[in-house]
Amino acid sequence: MKNTSSAVRNKIGLGLLAAAFAFLMGAIAVALYQERHTPANPGDTQQVARGKAVYTQHCAACHGTILEGQPNWREKLPTGRVPAPPHDASGHTWHHPDSVLFGITKHGLVPGKYAPPKYESDMPAFSGKLSDEEIWAVLAYLKSTWPDKIRAAQAEITRDGARR
């Protein structure tokens, strides 16, 4: 009887080990897939069209109808804050990985996370207004407007950010 319960425990242990290994392999596969396939796809014409509509409705008032940003966007306003930056190739949006762009759009420009500590910004959080899919669509739209060289550089930044 003692040998039978030991054999059962060994089989259960091996089963649990196999399940843990399968879970780990699945998690690694998902992580590798996501590293190469961001939800913001500038080649997806439907996503880009949706993103343009969402951008026009929720973002263009500050960031410009043609992604140009507000005038003198690098100079502080009397409030100490800076105007909304452009999202075209002339701005710095493409210098950030997709995860950061998504986070800033969803949560706002959070000091200590997406901005220096105590930084104040007029960038609102869109978590209660836009779905994650709408945010990714806006990012796909922005990326679709960038020249190939800048889009490739930003994709590399996104891949590097996913490796950290």
Protein backbone atom coordinates (compact mmCIF):
# COMPACT_ATOMS: atom_id res chain seq x y z
CA MET A 1 0.00 0.00 0.00
CA LYS A 2 2.87 2.33 0.80
CA ASN A 3 4.40 1.78 -2.66
CA THR A 4 1.06 2.46 -4.37
CA SER A 5 0.57 5.85 -2.67
CA SER A 6 4.17 6.79 -3.43
CA ALA A 7 3.65 5.93 -7.10
CA VAL A 8 0.46 8.01 -7.17
CA ARG A 9 2.25 10.97 -5.60
CA ASN A 10 5.05 10.65 -8.16
CA LYS A 11 2.51 10.63 -11.02
CA ILE A 12 0.71 13.66 -9.57
CA GLY A 13 4.03 15.44 -9.12
CA LEU A 14 5.07 14.68 -12.69
CA GLY A 15 1.67 15.82 -13.95
CA LEU A 16 1.96 19.10 -12.05
CA LEU A 17 5.51 19.58 -13.33
CA ALA A 18 4.37 18.95 -16.91
CA ALA A 19 1.47 21.40 -16.49
CA ALA A 20 3.78 24.08 -15.06
CA PHE A 21 6.22 23.55 -17.94
CA ALA A 22 3.41 23.82 -20.51
CA PHE A 23 2.14 27.01 -18.86
CA LEU A 24 5.66 28.50 -18.89
CA MET A 25 6.15 27.64 -22.56
CA GLY A 26 2.79 29.19 -23.40
CA ALA A 27 3.63 32.36 -21.48
CA ILE A 28 6.97 32.65 -23.28
CA ALA A 29 5.27 32.15 -26.66
CA VAL A 30 2.69 34.85 -25.89
CA ALA A 31 5.41 37.26 -24.71
CA LEU A 32 7.47 36.69 -27.86
CA TYR A 33 4.40 37.13 -30.06
CA GLN A 34 3.40 40.37 -28.32
CA GLU A 35 6.96 41.68 -28.56
CA ARG A 36 6.78 41.41 -32.34
CA HIS A 37 3.07 42.22 -32.79
CA THR A 38 1.94 45.40 -31.14
CA PRO A 39 -1.81 45.97 -31.05
CA ALA A 40 -1.20 49.30 -32.88
CA ASN A 41 -0.85 48.19 -36.49
CA PRO A 42 -0.32 51.04 -38.97
CA GLY A 43 -0.79 48.55 -41.81
CA ASP A 44 -4.34 47.67 -40.71
CA THR A 45 -6.46 50.09 -42.74
CA GLN A 46 -9.61 49.47 -40.67
CA GLN A 47 -7.79 50.10 -37.40
CA VAL A 48 -6.14 53.23 -38.83
CA ALA A 49 -9.49 54.58 -40.07
CA ARG A 50 -11.06 53.97 -36.66
CA GLY A 51 -8.05 55.59 -35.00
CA LYS A 52 -8.31 58.66 -37.19
CA ALA A 53 -11.99 59.09 -36.27
CA VAL A 54 -11.25 58.69 -32.55
CA TYR A 55 -8.26 61.05 -32.81
CA THR A 56 -10.38 63.67 -34.58
CA GLN A 57 -13.05 63.49 -31.89
CA HIS A 58 -10.85 63.27 -28.76
CA CYS A 59 -7.30 64.43 -29.54
CA ALA A 60 -7.25 66.94 -32.40
CA ALA A 61 -8.48 69.84 -30.27
CA CYS A 62 -5.13 69.85 -28.44
CA HIS A 63 -2.73 67.98 -30.73
CA GLY A 64 -3.94 69.48 -34.01
CA THR A 65 -6.05 68.25 -36.87
CA ILE A 66 -2.94 67.26 -38.81
CA LEU A 67 -0.99 66.10 -35.73
CA GLU A 68 0.95 69.42 -35.63
CA GLY A 69 0.56 70.07 -31.90
CA GLN A 70 0.12 73.47 -30.32
CA PRO A 71 2.35 76.44 -31.26
CA ASN A 72 5.64 76.69 -29.38
CA TRP A 73 5.04 73.27 -27.83
CA ARG A 74 8.54 73.15 -26.32
CA GLU A 75 8.15 76.43 -24.42
CA LYS A 76 6.51 76.53 -21.00
CA LEU A 77 3.22 78.34 -20.61
CA PRO A 78 2.68 80.86 -17.77
CA THR A 79 1.20 77.94 -15.80
CA GLY A 80 4.54 76.12 -15.98
CA ARG A 81 3.09 73.44 -18.19
CA VAL A 82 3.95 72.89 -21.84
CA PRO A 83 1.54 72.97 -24.81
CA ALA A 84 0.41 69.74 -26.43
CA PRO A 85 3.21 68.30 -28.58
CA PRO A 86 2.82 67.24 -32.20
CA HIS A 87 2.33 63.57 -33.02
CA ASP A 88 3.68 63.86 -36.54
CA ALA A 89 7.30 63.11 -37.43
CA SER A 90 8.45 66.51 -36.10
CA GLY A 91 7.50 65.65 -32.51
CA HIS A 92 8.90 63.22 -30.00
CA THR A 93 6.00 60.75 -29.86
CA TRP A 94 7.89 58.27 -31.99
CA HIS A 95 10.76 58.26 -29.47
CA HIS A 96 8.60 56.24 -27.06
CA PRO A 97 7.62 52.55 -27.11
CA ASP A 98 4.00 51.66 -27.73
CA SER A 99 3.53 50.61 -24.09
CA VAL A 100 4.43 54.13 -22.90
CA LEU A 101 2.25 55.83 -25.53
CA PHE A 102 -0.65 53.59 -24.55
CA GLY A 103 -0.08 54.27 -20.85
CA ILE A 104 0.10 58.04 -21.29
CA THR A 105 -3.09 58.02 -23.34
CA LYS A 106 -4.96 55.76 -20.94
CA HIS A 107 -3.69 57.14 -17.61
CA GLY A 108 -2.49 60.64 -18.47
CA LEU A 109 1.06 61.93 -18.08
CA VAL A 110 1.61 60.41 -14.64
CA PRO A 111 4.52 62.06 -12.75
CA GLY A 112 7.18 59.56 -11.75
CA LYS A 113 5.97 57.01 -14.30
CA TYR A 114 5.70 58.74 -17.66
CA ALA A 115 7.11 62.12 -16.62
CA PRO A 116 9.58 63.47 -14.06
CA PRO A 117 8.35 63.55 -10.44
CA LYS A 118 6.04 66.49 -9.67
CA TYR A 119 5.60 67.19 -13.41
CA GLU A 120 2.26 68.83 -14.19
CA SER A 121 0.53 68.32 -17.49
CA ASP A 122 -2.77 69.14 -19.13
CA MET A 123 -2.85 65.65 -20.72
CA PRO A 124 -6.02 63.98 -19.44
CA ALA A 125 -6.46 60.29 -18.78
CA PHE A 126 -8.76 58.66 -21.32
CA SER A 127 -9.37 55.45 -19.35
CA GLY A 128 -13.01 56.35 -18.74
CA LYS A 129 -13.64 57.70 -22.23
CA LEU A 130 -11.83 55.38 -24.64
CA SER A 131 -11.58 51.60 -24.75
CA ASP A 132 -8.17 49.95 -25.02
CA GLU A 133 -9.01 49.08 -28.63
CA GLU A 134 -9.74 52.74 -29.40
CA ILE A 135 -6.45 53.82 -27.84
CA TRP A 136 -4.52 51.24 -29.88
CA ALA A 137 -6.39 52.42 -32.99
CA VAL A 138 -5.32 56.03 -32.35
CA LEU A 139 -1.71 54.88 -31.99
CA ALA A 140 -2.00 52.92 -35.25
CA TYR A 141 -3.30 56.07 -36.94
CA LEU A 142 -0.40 58.18 -35.60
CA LYS A 143 2.14 55.60 -36.73
CA SER A 144 0.52 55.36 -40.18
CA THR A 145 1.39 59.02 -40.80
CA TRP A 146 5.10 58.69 -40.03
CA PRO A 147 7.69 58.14 -42.77
CA ASP A 148 8.95 54.55 -43.06
CA LYS A 149 12.31 55.40 -41.49
CA ILE A 150 10.69 56.90 -38.38
CA ARG A 151 8.15 54.09 -38.17
CA ALA A 152 10.99 51.55 -38.28
CA ALA A 153 12.92 53.44 -35.59
CA GLN A 154 9.85 53.56 -33.34
CA ALA A 155 9.20 49.84 -33.91
CA GLU A 156 12.75 49.13 -32.75
CA ILE A 157 12.20 51.28 -29.66
CA THR A 158 9.00 49.30 -28.97
CA ARG A 159 10.85 45.98 -29.37
CA ASP A 160 13.66 47.18 -27.08
CA GLY A 161 11.10 48.30 -24.49
CA ALA A 162 9.44 44.88 -24.58
CA ARG A 163 12.76 43.16 -23.86
CA ARG A 164 13.32 45.08 -20.63
